[in-house]
Amino acid sequence: MSADTTTTEAPVTDGIQLTEVAASKVKSLLESEGRDDLALRVAVQPGGCSGLRYQLFFDDRSLDGDVVHDFGGVGVVTDRMSTPYLSGATIDFVDTIEKQGFTIDNPNATGSCACGDSFH
């Protein structure tokens, strides 16, 4: 057996990641809308108390320079300007008594503020 026939899966550290819980939630939201032509677009926009904030929304557009990742049939799209800021970020979905919604754990965030959705 040569070394060419064995492969080792390394953890993906570049690009955006979507947890199984978040992918399942996105899939159920799309099914409830009856749409299979939408992807979850994640963007970084100017604003917020630390300079940048996240936007997550369903989108049917395809923009020049988009980076598309597939997570079990769920498309996650980032535009070319946002992609460097989101490299290595993980999107999760939490459903607790205190909080329900999508969260983003981003190793690129060097600062944050009380609002919890901004970074610079």
PDB file of N, CA and C in Angstrom:
ATOM      1  N   MET A   1       0.842  -1.166   0.000  1.00  0.00           N
ATOM      2  CA  MET A   1       0.000   0.000   0.000  1.00  0.00           C
ATOM      3  C   MET A   1       0.892   1.235   0.000  1.00  0.00           C
ATOM      4  N   SER A   2       0.660   2.106  -0.964  1.00  0.00           N
ATOM      5  CA  SER A   2       1.484   3.303  -1.043  1.00  0.00           C
ATOM      6  C   SER A   2       0.861   4.425  -0.225  1.00  0.00           C
ATOM      7  N   ALA A   3       1.657   5.426   0.032  1.00  0.00           N
ATOM      8  CA  ALA A   3       1.188   6.565   0.824  1.00  0.00           C
ATOM      9  C   ALA A   3       0.100   7.342   0.092  1.00  0.00           C
ATOM     10  N   ASP A   4       0.040   7.167  -1.234  1.00  0.00           N
ATOM     11  CA  ASP A   4      -0.945   7.898  -2.023  1.00  0.00           C
ATOM     12  C   ASP A   4      -2.377   7.439  -1.751  1.00  0.00           C
ATOM     13  N   THR A   5      -2.563   6.237  -1.237  1.00  0.00           N
ATOM     14  CA  THR A   5      -3.920   5.703  -1.071  1.00  0.00           C
ATOM     15  C   THR A   5      -4.532   6.032   0.284  1.00  0.00           C
ATOM     16  N   THR A   6      -3.775   6.598   1.182  1.00  0.00           N
ATOM     17  CA  THR A   6      -4.335   6.952   2.485  1.00  0.00           C
ATOM     18  C   THR A   6      -4.483   8.463   2.572  1.00  0.00           C
ATOM     19  N   THR A   7      -5.586   8.874   3.129  1.00  0.00           N
ATOM     20  CA  THR A   7      -5.806  10.308   3.324  1.00  0.00           C
ATOM     21  C   THR A   7      -6.139  10.543   4.777  1.00  0.00           C
ATOM     22  N   THR A   8      -5.737  11.683   5.250  1.00  0.00           N
ATOM     23  CA  THR A   8      -6.046  12.061   6.620  1.00  0.00           C
ATOM     24  C   THR A   8      -6.861  13.339   6.573  1.00  0.00           C
ATOM     25  N   GLU A   9      -7.998  13.303   7.245  1.00  0.00           N
ATOM     26  CA  GLU A   9      -8.844  14.494   7.302  1.00  0.00           C
ATOM     27  C   GLU A   9      -8.305  15.422   8.382  1.00  0.00           C
ATOM     28  N   ALA A  10      -7.970  16.624   7.991  1.00  0.00           N
ATOM     29  CA  ALA A  10      -7.524  17.631   8.954  1.00  0.00           C
ATOM     30  C   ALA A  10      -8.686  18.573   9.216  1.00  0.00           C
ATOM     31  N   PRO A  11      -8.764  19.125  10.421  1.00  0.00           N
ATOM     32  CA  PRO A  11      -9.837  20.072  10.689  1.00  0.00           C
ATOM     33  C   PRO A  11      -9.726  21.282   9.760  1.00  0.00           C
ATOM     34  N   VAL A  12     -10.841  21.748   9.288  1.00  0.00           N
ATOM     35  CA  VAL A  12     -10.857  22.908   8.409  1.00  0.00           C
ATOM     36  C   VAL A  12     -10.751  24.158   9.276  1.00  0.00           C
ATOM     37  N   THR A  13      -9.742  24.967   9.006  1.00  0.00           N
ATOM     38  CA  THR A  13      -9.551  26.167   9.812  1.00  0.00           C
ATOM     39  C   THR A  13      -9.774  27.435   9.005  1.00  0.00           C
ATOM     40  N   ASP A  14      -9.837  27.310   7.674  1.00  0.00           N
ATOM     41  CA  ASP A  14     -10.119  28.499   6.889  1.00  0.00           C
ATOM     42  C   ASP A  14     -11.552  28.430   6.386  1.00  0.00           C
ATOM     43  N   GLY A  15     -12.074  29.566   6.048  1.00  0.00           N
ATOM     44  CA  GLY A  15     -13.465  29.601   5.631  1.00  0.00           C
ATOM     45  C   GLY A  15     -14.385  29.609   6.834  1.00  0.00           C
ATOM     46  N   ILE A  16     -15.652  29.761   6.563  1.00  0.00           N
ATOM     47  CA  ILE A  16     -16.656  29.813   7.615  1.00  0.00           C
ATOM     48  C   ILE A  16     -17.171  28.408   7.890  1.00  0.00           C
ATOM     49  N   GLN A  17     -17.570  28.140   9.123  1.00  0.00           N
ATOM     50  CA  GLN A  17     -18.085  26.833   9.508  1.00  0.00           C
ATOM     51  C   GLN A  17     -19.509  26.978  10.026  1.00  0.00           C
ATOM     52  N   LEU A  18     -20.325  25.977   9.774  1.00  0.00           N
ATOM     53  CA  LEU A  18     -21.700  25.944  10.260  1.00  0.00           C
ATOM     54  C   LEU A  18     -21.857  24.662  11.060  1.00  0.00           C
ATOM     55  N   THR A  19     -22.245  24.776  12.334  1.00  0.00           N
ATOM     56  CA  THR A  19     -22.404  23.578  13.153  1.00  0.00           C
ATOM     57  C   THR A  19     -23.600  22.774  12.644  1.00  0.00           C
ATOM     58  N   GLU A  20     -23.669  21.513  13.044  1.00  0.00           N
ATOM     59  CA  GLU A  20     -24.797  20.666  12.639  1.00  0.00           C
ATOM     60  C   GLU A  20     -26.115  21.227  13.148  1.00  0.00           C
ATOM     61  N   VAL A  21     -26.105  21.761  14.375  1.00  0.00           N
ATOM     62  CA  VAL A  21     -27.321  22.336  14.954  1.00  0.00           C
ATOM     63  C   VAL A  21     -27.786  23.536  14.121  1.00  0.00           C
ATOM     64  N   ALA A  22     -26.842  24.408  13.755  1.00  0.00           N
ATOM     65  CA  ALA A  22     -27.187  25.579  12.955  1.00  0.00           C
ATOM     66  C   ALA A  22     -27.657  25.172  11.565  1.00  0.00           C
ATOM     67  N   ALA A  23     -26.983  24.196  10.953  1.00  0.00           N
ATOM     68  CA  ALA A  23     -27.392  23.729   9.622  1.00  0.00           C
ATOM     69  C   ALA A  23     -28.800  23.164   9.666  1.00  0.00           C
ATOM     70  N   SER A  24     -29.114  22.412  10.710  1.00  0.00           N
ATOM     71  CA  SER A  24     -30.448  21.837  10.864  1.00  0.00           C
ATOM     72  C   SER A  24     -31.496  22.937  11.006  1.00  0.00           C
ATOM     73  N   LYS A  25     -31.172  23.990  11.770  1.00  0.00           N
ATOM     74  CA  LYS A  25     -32.104  25.103  11.958  1.00  0.00           C
ATOM     75  C   LYS A  25     -32.327  25.847  10.641  1.00  0.00           C
ATOM     76  N   VAL A  26     -31.256  26.105   9.906  1.00  0.00           N
ATOM     77  CA  VAL A  26     -31.372  26.785   8.616  1.00  0.00           C
ATOM     78  C   VAL A  26     -32.233  25.951   7.674  1.00  0.00           C
ATOM     79  N   LYS A  27     -31.980  24.649   7.646  1.00  0.00           N
ATOM     80  CA  LYS A  27     -32.743  23.759   6.772  1.00  0.00           C
ATOM     81  C   LYS A  27     -34.227  23.785   7.126  1.00  0.00           C
ATOM     82  N   SER A  28     -34.554  23.752   8.414  1.00  0.00           N
ATOM     83  CA  SER A  28     -35.963  23.765   8.819  1.00  0.00           C
ATOM     84  C   SER A  28     -36.619  25.110   8.498  1.00  0.00           C
ATOM     85  N   LEU A  29     -35.880  26.209   8.629  1.00  0.00           N
ATOM     86  CA  LEU A  29     -36.424  27.522   8.266  1.00  0.00           C
ATOM     87  C   LEU A  29     -36.711  27.597   6.769  1.00  0.00           C
ATOM     88  N   LEU A  30     -35.807  27.068   5.965  1.00  0.00           N
ATOM     89  CA  LEU A  30     -36.016  27.074   4.520  1.00  0.00           C
ATOM     90  C   LEU A  30     -37.197  26.196   4.124  1.00  0.00           C
ATOM     91  N   GLU A  31     -37.318  25.035   4.782  1.00  0.00           N
ATOM     92  CA  GLU A  31     -38.445  24.147   4.498  1.00  0.00           C
ATOM     93  C   GLU A  31     -39.766  24.802   4.872  1.00  0.00           C
ATOM     94  N   SER A  32     -39.789  25.530   5.991  1.00  0.00           N
ATOM     95  CA  SER A  32     -41.028  26.188   6.406  1.00  0.00           C
ATOM     96  C   SER A  32     -41.409  27.318   5.446  1.00  0.00           C
ATOM     97  N   GLU A  33     -40.410  27.888   4.781  1.00  0.00           N
ATOM     98  CA  GLU A  33     -40.669  28.919   3.775  1.00  0.00           C
ATOM     99  C   GLU A  33     -41.013  28.312   2.416  1.00  0.00           C
ATOM    100  N   GLY A  34     -40.768  27.010   2.265  1.00  0.00           N
ATOM    101  CA  GLY A  34     -41.008  26.351   0.986  1.00  0.00           C
ATOM    102  C   GLY A  34     -40.031  26.790  -0.088  1.00  0.00           C
ATOM    103  N   ARG A  35     -38.816  27.154   0.322  1.00  0.00           N
ATOM    104  CA  ARG A  35     -37.819  27.639  -0.638  1.00  0.00           C
ATOM    105  C   ARG A  35     -36.595  26.730  -0.618  1.00  0.00           C
ATOM    106  N   ASP A  36     -36.133  26.365  -1.781  1.00  0.00           N
ATOM    107  CA  ASP A  36     -34.891  25.610  -1.859  1.00  0.00           C
ATOM    108  C   ASP A  36     -33.865  26.355  -2.707  1.00  0.00           C
ATOM    109  N   ASP A  37     -34.192  27.602  -3.060  1.00  0.00           N
ATOM    110  CA  ASP A  37     -33.296  28.404  -3.884  1.00  0.00           C
ATOM    111  C   ASP A  37     -32.535  29.446  -3.078  1.00  0.00           C
ATOM    112  N   LEU A  38     -32.629  29.379  -1.760  1.00  0.00           N
ATOM    113  CA  LEU A  38     -31.991  30.378  -0.914  1.00  0.00           C
ATOM    114  C   LEU A  38     -30.761  29.809  -0.207  1.00  0.00           C
ATOM    115  N   ALA A  39     -29.819  30.681   0.066  1.00  0.00           N
ATOM    116  CA  ALA A  39     -28.641  30.331   0.860  1.00  0.00           C
ATOM    117  C   ALA A  39     -28.578  31.297   2.030  1.00  0.00           C
ATOM    118  N   LEU A  40     -27.873  30.892   3.073  1.00  0.00           N
ATOM    119  CA  LEU A  40     -27.644  31.777   4.211  1.00  0.00           C
ATOM    120  C   LEU A  40     -26.452  32.660   3.869  1.00  0.00           C
ATOM    121  N   ARG A  41     -26.711  33.959   3.736  1.00  0.00           N
ATOM    122  CA  ARG A  41     -25.625  34.893   3.448  1.00  0.00           C
ATOM    123  C   ARG A  41     -25.138  35.495   4.763  1.00  0.00           C
ATOM    124  N   VAL A  42     -23.826  35.447   4.958  1.00  0.00           N
ATOM    125  CA  VAL A  42     -23.194  36.024   6.136  1.00  0.00           C
ATOM    126  C   VAL A  42     -22.282  37.131   5.641  1.00  0.00           C
ATOM    127  N   ALA A  43     -22.498  38.327   6.174  1.00  0.00           N
ATOM    128  CA  ALA A  43     -21.714  39.474   5.726  1.00  0.00           C
ATOM    129  C   ALA A  43     -21.225  40.264   6.924  1.00  0.00           C
ATOM    130  N   VAL A  44     -20.152  40.979   6.701  1.00  0.00           N
ATOM    131  CA  VAL A  44     -19.625  41.906   7.688  1.00  0.00           C
ATOM    132  C   VAL A  44     -19.856  43.297   7.119  1.00  0.00           C
ATOM    133  N   GLN A  45     -20.515  44.149   7.906  1.00  0.00           N
ATOM    134  CA  GLN A  45     -20.861  45.496   7.463  1.00  0.00           C
ATOM    135  C   GLN A  45     -20.277  46.528   8.425  1.00  0.00           C
ATOM    136  N   PRO A  46     -19.959  47.723   7.925  1.00  0.00           N
ATOM    137  CA  PRO A  46     -19.520  48.790   8.827  1.00  0.00           C
ATOM    138  C   PRO A  46     -20.637  49.138   9.803  1.00  0.00           C
ATOM    139  N   GLY A  47     -20.268  49.446  11.032  1.00  0.00           N
ATOM    140  CA  GLY A  47     -21.258  49.847  12.028  1.00  0.00           C
ATOM    141  C   GLY A  47     -21.007  49.173  13.353  1.00  0.00           C
ATOM    142  N   GLY A  48     -21.946  49.323  14.249  1.00  0.00           N
ATOM    143  CA  GLY A  48     -21.782  48.753  15.580  1.00  0.00           C
ATOM    144  C   GLY A  48     -20.807  49.586  16.393  1.00  0.00           C
ATOM    145  N   CYS A  49     -20.729  49.303  17.666  1.00  0.00           N
ATOM    146  CA  CYS A  49     -19.898  50.141  18.540  1.00  0.00           C
ATOM    147  C   CYS A  49     -18.410  49.831  18.405  1.00  0.00           C
ATOM    148  N   SER A  50     -18.054  48.731  17.748  1.00  0.00           N
ATOM    149  CA  SER A  50     -16.634  48.405  17.604  1.00  0.00           C
ATOM    150  C   SER A  50     -16.147  48.513  16.167  1.00  0.00           C
ATOM    151  N   GLY A  51     -16.982  49.007  15.257  1.00  0.00           N
ATOM    152  CA  GLY A  51     -16.529  49.231  13.898  1.00  0.00           C
ATOM    153  C   GLY A  51     -17.156  48.336  12.843  1.00  0.00           C
ATOM    154  N   LEU A  52     -17.448  47.070  13.168  1.00  0.00           N
ATOM    155  CA  LEU A  52     -18.047  46.140  12.214  1.00  0.00           C
ATOM    156  C   LEU A  52     -19.134  45.330  12.897  1.00  0.00           C
ATOM    157  N   ARG A  53     -20.123  44.910  12.124  1.00  0.00           N
ATOM    158  CA  ARG A  53     -21.168  44.051  12.673  1.00  0.00           C
ATOM    159  C   ARG A  53     -21.526  42.987  11.647  1.00  0.00           C
ATOM    160  N   TYR A  54     -22.120  41.907  12.127  1.00  0.00           N
ATOM    161  CA  TYR A  54     -22.522  40.796  11.267  1.00  0.00           C
ATOM    162  C   TYR A  54     -23.929  40.992  10.739  1.00  0.00           C
ATOM    163  N   GLN A  55     -24.165  40.458   9.546  1.00  0.00           N
ATOM    164  CA  GLN A  55     -25.507  40.342   9.011  1.00  0.00           C
ATOM    165  C   GLN A  55     -25.678  38.904   8.534  1.00  0.00           C
ATOM    166  N   LEU A  56     -26.784  38.274   8.953  1.00  0.00           N
ATOM    167  CA  LEU A  56     -27.147  36.947   8.492  1.00  0.00           C
ATOM    168  C   LEU A  56     -28.539  37.053   7.887  1.00  0.00           C
ATOM    169  N   PHE A  57     -28.704  36.608   6.654  1.00  0.00           N
ATOM    170  CA  PHE A  57     -30.018  36.643   6.025  1.00  0.00           C
ATOM    171  C   PHE A  57     -30.060  35.646   4.877  1.00  0.00           C
ATOM    172  N   PHE A  58     -31.265  35.263   4.484  1.00  0.00           N
ATOM    173  CA  PHE A  58     -31.439  34.375   3.347  1.00  0.00           C
ATOM    174  C   PHE A  58     -31.370  35.186   2.066  1.00  0.00           C
ATOM    175  N   ASP A  59     -30.690  34.650   1.063  1.00  0.00           N
ATOM    176  CA  ASP A  59     -30.469  35.392  -0.166  1.00  0.00           C
ATOM    177  C   ASP A  59     -30.526  34.441  -1.354  1.00  0.00           C
ATOM    178  N   ASP A  60     -31.117  34.911  -2.447  1.00  0.00           N
ATOM    179  CA  ASP A  60     -31.138  34.107  -3.673  1.00  0.00           C
ATOM    180  C   ASP A  60     -30.200  34.687  -4.726  1.00  0.00           C
ATOM    181  N   ARG A  61     -29.461  35.738  -4.353  1.00  0.00           N
ATOM    182  CA  ARG A  61     -28.542  36.368  -5.296  1.00  0.00           C
ATOM    183  C   ARG A  61     -27.203  35.635  -5.338  1.00  0.00           C
ATOM    184  N   SER A  62     -26.529  35.791  -6.458  1.00  0.00           N
ATOM    185  CA  SER A  62     -25.159  35.310  -6.601  1.00  0.00           C
ATOM    186  C   SER A  62     -24.324  36.500  -7.042  1.00  0.00           C
ATOM    187  N   LEU A  63     -23.444  36.941  -6.166  1.00  0.00           N
ATOM    188  CA  LEU A  63     -22.640  38.125  -6.446  1.00  0.00           C
ATOM    189  C   LEU A  63     -21.248  37.720  -6.922  1.00  0.00           C
ATOM    190  N   ASP A  64     -20.648  38.570  -7.728  1.00  0.00           N
ATOM    191  CA  ASP A  64     -19.302  38.325  -8.219  1.00  0.00           C
ATOM    192  C   ASP A  64     -18.338  38.218  -7.043  1.00  0.00           C
ATOM    193  N   GLY A  65     -17.589  37.142  -6.980  1.00  0.00           N
ATOM    194  CA  GLY A  65     -16.619  36.959  -5.909  1.00  0.00           C
ATOM    195  C   GLY A  65     -17.161  36.237  -4.686  1.00  0.00           C
ATOM    196  N   ASP A  66     -18.436  35.806  -4.727  1.00  0.00           N
ATOM    197  CA  ASP A  66     -19.002  35.066  -3.602  1.00  0.00           C
ATOM    198  C   ASP A  66     -18.223  33.785  -3.330  1.00  0.00           C
ATOM    199  N   VAL A  67     -18.090  33.456  -2.059  1.00  0.00           N
ATOM    200  CA  VAL A  67     -17.510  32.180  -1.642  1.00  0.00           C
ATOM    201  C   VAL A  67     -18.663  31.372  -1.060  1.00  0.00           C
ATOM    202  N   VAL A  68     -18.891  30.175  -1.616  1.00  0.00           N
ATOM    203  CA  VAL A  68     -20.025  29.342  -1.215  1.00  0.00           C
ATOM    204  C   VAL A  68     -19.508  28.076  -0.551  1.00  0.00           C
ATOM    205  N   HIS A  69     -20.070  27.760   0.618  1.00  0.00           N
ATOM    206  CA  HIS A  69     -19.763  26.516   1.319  1.00  0.00           C
ATOM    207  C   HIS A  69     -21.057  25.733   1.453  1.00  0.00           C
ATOM    208  N   ASP A  70     -20.973  24.420   1.329  1.00  0.00           N
ATOM    209  CA  ASP A  70     -22.150  23.569   1.484  1.00  0.00           C
ATOM    210  C   ASP A  70     -21.999  22.747   2.752  1.00  0.00           C
ATOM    211  N   PHE A  71     -23.024  22.794   3.601  1.00  0.00           N
ATOM    212  CA  PHE A  71     -23.035  22.040   4.846  1.00  0.00           C
ATOM    213  C   PHE A  71     -24.270  21.156   4.843  1.00  0.00           C
ATOM    214  N   GLY A  72     -24.127  19.942   4.316  1.00  0.00           N
ATOM    215  CA  GLY A  72     -25.240  18.992   4.273  1.00  0.00           C
ATOM    216  C   GLY A  72     -26.441  19.520   3.514  1.00  0.00           C
ATOM    217  N   GLY A  73     -26.204  20.198   2.398  1.00  0.00           N
ATOM    218  CA  GLY A  73     -27.288  20.729   1.593  1.00  0.00           C
ATOM    219  C   GLY A  73     -27.679  22.152   1.945  1.00  0.00           C
ATOM    220  N   VAL A  74     -27.052  22.729   2.951  1.00  0.00           N
ATOM    221  CA  VAL A  74     -27.309  24.117   3.322  1.00  0.00           C
ATOM    222  C   VAL A  74     -26.161  24.965   2.781  1.00  0.00           C
ATOM    223  N   GLY A  75     -26.505  25.915   1.921  1.00  0.00           N
ATOM    224  CA  GLY A  75     -25.497  26.792   1.352  1.00  0.00           C
ATOM    225  C   GLY A  75     -25.246  27.989   2.253  1.00  0.00           C
ATOM    226  N   VAL A  76     -23.964  28.270   2.506  1.00  0.00           N
ATOM    227  CA  VAL A  76     -23.571  29.461   3.254  1.00  0.00           C
ATOM    228  C   VAL A  76     -22.688  30.284   2.318  1.00  0.00           C
ATOM    229  N   VAL A  77     -23.085  31.540   2.112  1.00  0.00           N
ATOM    230  CA  VAL A  77     -22.419  32.404   1.155  1.00  0.00           C
ATOM    231  C   VAL A  77     -21.817  33.603   1.871  1.00  0.00           C
ATOM    232  N   THR A  78     -20.573  33.942   1.500  1.00  0.00           N
ATOM    233  CA  THR A  78     -19.959  35.176   1.981  1.00  0.00           C
ATOM    234  C   THR A  78     -19.454  35.945   0.767  1.00  0.00           C
ATOM    235  N   ASP A  79     -19.577  37.264   0.814  1.00  0.00           N
ATOM    236  CA  ASP A  79     -19.070  38.079  -0.287  1.00  0.00           C
ATOM    237  C   ASP A  79     -17.562  38.231  -0.150  1.00  0.00           C
ATOM    238  N   ARG A  80     -16.929  38.654  -1.224  1.00  0.00           N
ATOM    239  CA  ARG A  80     -15.453  38.685  -1.228  1.00  0.00           C
ATOM    240  C   ARG A  80     -14.867  39.668  -0.226  1.00  0.00           C
ATOM    241  N   MET A  81     -15.611  40.723   0.136  1.00  0.00           N
ATOM    242  CA  MET A  81     -15.105  41.680   1.115  1.00  0.00           C
ATOM    243  C   MET A  81     -15.206  41.123   2.545  1.00  0.00           C
ATOM    244  N   SER A  82     -16.234  40.320   2.805  1.00  0.00           N
ATOM    245  CA  SER A  82     -16.455  39.779   4.150  1.00  0.00           C
ATOM    246  C   SER A  82     -15.640  38.524   4.427  1.00  0.00           C
ATOM    247  N   THR A  83     -15.313  37.774   3.388  1.00  0.00           N
ATOM    248  CA  THR A  83     -14.659  36.473   3.559  1.00  0.00           C
ATOM    249  C   THR A  83     -13.416  36.525   4.447  1.00  0.00           C
ATOM    250  N   PRO A  84     -12.483  37.472   4.260  1.00  0.00           N
ATOM    251  CA  PRO A  84     -11.297  37.478   5.137  1.00  0.00           C
ATOM    252  C   PRO A  84     -11.633  37.680   6.612  1.00  0.00           C
ATOM    253  N   TYR A  85     -12.666  38.474   6.903  1.00  0.00           N
ATOM    254  CA  TYR A  85     -13.060  38.724   8.287  1.00  0.00           C
ATOM    255  C   TYR A  85     -13.714  37.504   8.928  1.00  0.00           C
ATOM    256  N   LEU A  86     -14.252  36.604   8.092  1.00  0.00           N
ATOM    257  CA  LEU A  86     -15.010  35.463   8.602  1.00  0.00           C
ATOM    258  C   LEU A  86     -14.245  34.150   8.523  1.00  0.00           C
ATOM    259  N   SER A  87     -13.005  34.185   8.066  1.00  0.00           N
ATOM    260  CA  SER A  87     -12.212  32.968   7.951  1.00  0.00           C
ATOM    261  C   SER A  87     -11.994  32.354   9.332  1.00  0.00           C
ATOM    262  N   GLY A  88     -12.441  31.120   9.504  1.00  0.00           N
ATOM    263  CA  GLY A  88     -12.304  30.429  10.779  1.00  0.00           C
ATOM    264  C   GLY A  88     -13.469  30.644  11.728  1.00  0.00           C
ATOM    265  N   ALA A  89     -14.433  31.487  11.343  1.00  0.00           N
ATOM    266  CA  ALA A  89     -15.591  31.756  12.202  1.00  0.00           C
ATOM    267  C   ALA A  89     -16.555  30.571  12.169  1.00  0.00           C
ATOM    268  N   THR A  90     -17.233  30.338  13.283  1.00  0.00           N
ATOM    269  CA  THR A  90     -18.201  29.249  13.388  1.00  0.00           C
ATOM    270  C   THR A  90     -19.569  29.823  13.717  1.00  0.00           C
ATOM    271  N   ILE A  91     -20.560  29.441  12.904  1.00  0.00           N
ATOM    272  CA  ILE A  91     -21.939  29.846  13.165  1.00  0.00           C
ATOM    273  C   ILE A  91     -22.632  28.697  13.881  1.00  0.00           C
ATOM    274  N   ASP A  92     -23.284  29.012  14.983  1.00  0.00           N
ATOM    275  CA  ASP A  92     -24.007  28.014  15.761  1.00  0.00           C
ATOM    276  C   ASP A  92     -25.419  28.544  16.004  1.00  0.00           C
ATOM    277  N   PHE A  93     -26.285  27.687  16.509  1.00  0.00           N
ATOM    278  CA  PHE A  93     -27.628  28.099  16.891  1.00  0.00           C
ATOM    279  C   PHE A  93     -27.849  27.672  18.328  1.00  0.00           C
ATOM    280  N   VAL A  94     -28.259  28.627  19.167  1.00  0.00           N
ATOM    281  CA  VAL A  94     -28.524  28.313  20.569  1.00  0.00           C
ATOM    282  C   VAL A  94     -30.014  28.484  20.842  1.00  0.00           C
ATOM    283  N   ASP A  95     -30.539  27.616  21.682  1.00  0.00           N
ATOM    284  CA  ASP A  95     -31.954  27.668  22.048  1.00  0.00           C
ATOM    285  C   ASP A  95     -32.053  27.356  23.534  1.00  0.00           C
ATOM    286  N   THR A  96     -31.924  28.409  24.336  1.00  0.00           N
ATOM    287  CA  THR A  96     -31.988  28.259  25.789  1.00  0.00           C
ATOM    288  C   THR A  96     -33.057  29.207  26.329  1.00  0.00           C
ATOM    289  N   ILE A  97     -33.298  29.137  27.611  1.00  0.00           N
ATOM    290  CA  ILE A  97     -34.267  30.033  28.245  1.00  0.00           C
ATOM    291  C   ILE A  97     -33.812  31.487  28.096  1.00  0.00           C
ATOM    292  N   GLU A  98     -32.513  31.717  28.222  1.00  0.00           N
ATOM    293  CA  GLU A  98     -31.987  33.077  28.169  1.00  0.00           C
ATOM    294  C   GLU A  98     -31.882  33.636  26.763  1.00  0.00           C
ATOM    295  N   LYS A  99     -31.658  32.758  25.789  1.00  0.00           N
ATOM    296  CA  LYS A  99     -31.304  33.249  24.471  1.00  0.00           C
ATOM    297  C   LYS A  99     -31.689  32.248  23.396  1.00  0.00           C
ATOM    298  N   GLN A 100     -32.180  32.754  22.267  1.00  0.00           N
ATOM    299  CA  GLN A 100     -32.422  31.907  21.108  1.00  0.00           C
ATOM    300  C   GLN A 100     -31.955  32.654  19.874  1.00  0.00           C
ATOM    301  N   GLY A 101     -31.165  31.981  19.063  1.00  0.00           N
ATOM    302  CA  GLY A 101     -30.724  32.599  17.824  1.00  0.00           C
ATOM    303  C   GLY A 101     -29.371  32.092  17.381  1.00  0.00           C
ATOM    304  N   PHE A 102     -28.945  32.618  16.253  1.00  0.00           N
ATOM    305  CA  PHE A 102     -27.655  32.248  15.700  1.00  0.00           C
ATOM    306  C   PHE A 102     -26.553  33.024  16.407  1.00  0.00           C
ATOM    307  N   THR A 103     -25.436  32.357  16.644  1.00  0.00           N
ATOM    308  CA  THR A 103     -24.271  32.996  17.244  1.00  0.00           C
ATOM    309  C   THR A 103     -23.087  32.807  16.308  1.00  0.00           C
ATOM    310  N   ILE A 104     -22.150  33.723  16.376  1.00  0.00           N
ATOM    311  CA  ILE A 104     -20.933  33.621  15.572  1.00  0.00           C
ATOM    312  C   ILE A 104     -19.739  33.700  16.504  1.00  0.00           C
ATOM    313  N   ASP A 105     -18.938  32.639  16.489  1.00  0.00           N
ATOM    314  CA  ASP A 105     -17.681  32.614  17.237  1.00  0.00           C
ATOM    315  C   ASP A 105     -16.582  32.906  16.226  1.00  0.00           C
ATOM    316  N   ASN A 106     -15.996  34.081  16.324  1.00  0.00           N
ATOM    317  CA  ASN A 106     -15.041  34.519  15.313  1.00  0.00           C
ATOM    318  C   ASN A 106     -13.676  34.789  15.944  1.00  0.00           C
ATOM    319  N   PRO A 107     -12.668  33.981  15.593  1.00  0.00           N
ATOM    320  CA  PRO A 107     -11.327  34.198  16.150  1.00  0.00           C
ATOM    321  C   PRO A 107     -10.693  35.496  15.653  1.00  0.00           C
ATOM    322  N   ASN A 108     -11.245  36.095  14.598  1.00  0.00           N
ATOM    323  CA  ASN A 108     -10.708  37.350  14.066  1.00  0.00           C
ATOM    324  C   ASN A 108     -11.161  38.559  14.865  1.00  0.00           C
ATOM    325  N   ALA A 109     -12.172  38.384  15.703  1.00  0.00           N
ATOM    326  CA  ALA A 109     -12.693  39.512  16.482  1.00  0.00           C
ATOM    327  C   ALA A 109     -11.693  39.867  17.576  1.00  0.00           C
ATOM    328  N   THR A 110     -11.161  41.060  17.485  1.00  0.00           N
ATOM    329  CA  THR A 110     -10.157  41.486  18.468  1.00  0.00           C
ATOM    330  C   THR A 110     -10.769  42.322  19.573  1.00  0.00           C
ATOM    331  N   GLY A 111     -11.998  42.695  19.409  1.00  0.00           N
ATOM    332  CA  GLY A 111     -12.666  43.475  20.439  1.00  0.00           C
ATOM    333  C   GLY A 111     -14.155  43.307  20.294  1.00  0.00           C
ATOM    334  N   SER A 112     -14.887  43.565  21.343  1.00  0.00           N
ATOM    335  CA  SER A 112     -16.333  43.478  21.279  1.00  0.00           C
ATOM    336  C   SER A 112     -16.908  44.483  22.261  1.00  0.00           C
ATOM    337  N   CYS A 113     -18.210  44.560  22.280  1.00  0.00           N
ATOM    338  CA  CYS A 113     -18.860  45.491  23.187  1.00  0.00           C
ATOM    339  C   CYS A 113     -20.099  44.820  23.756  1.00  0.00           C
ATOM    340  N   ALA A 114     -20.831  45.514  24.581  1.00  0.00           N
ATOM    341  CA  ALA A 114     -21.965  44.924  25.275  1.00  0.00           C
ATOM    342  C   ALA A 114     -23.051  44.417  24.335  1.00  0.00           C
ATOM    343  N   CYS A 115     -23.134  44.987  23.140  1.00  0.00           N
ATOM    344  CA  CYS A 115     -24.208  44.555  22.234  1.00  0.00           C
ATOM    345  C   CYS A 115     -23.942  43.158  21.679  1.00  0.00           C
ATOM    346  N   GLY A 116     -22.702  42.704  21.716  1.00  0.00           N
ATOM    347  CA  GLY A 116     -22.380  41.330  21.378  1.00  0.00           C
ATOM    348  C   GLY A 116     -22.363  40.985  19.898  1.00  0.00           C
ATOM    349  N   ASP A 117     -22.682  41.932  19.017  1.00  0.00           N
ATOM    350  CA  ASP A 117     -22.675  41.575  17.602  1.00  0.00           C
ATOM    351  C   ASP A 117     -21.727  42.437  16.785  1.00  0.00           C
ATOM    352  N   SER A 118     -20.800  43.104  17.438  1.00  0.00           N
ATOM    353  CA  SER A 118     -19.841  43.968  16.750  1.00  0.00           C
ATOM    354  C   SER A 118     -18.424  43.508  17.055  1.00  0.00           C
ATOM    355  N   PHE A 119     -17.532  43.853  16.155  1.00  0.00           N
ATOM    356  CA  PHE A 119     -16.120  43.593  16.395  1.00  0.00           C
ATOM    357  C   PHE A 119     -15.307  44.499  15.497  1.00  0.00           C
ATOM    358  N   HIS A 120     -14.023  44.552  15.710  1.00  0.00           N
ATOM    359  CA  HIS A 120     -13.130  45.341  14.833  1.00  0.00           C
ATOM    360  C   HIS A 120     -11.821  44.635  14.683  1.00  0.00           C
TER     361      HIS A 120
END
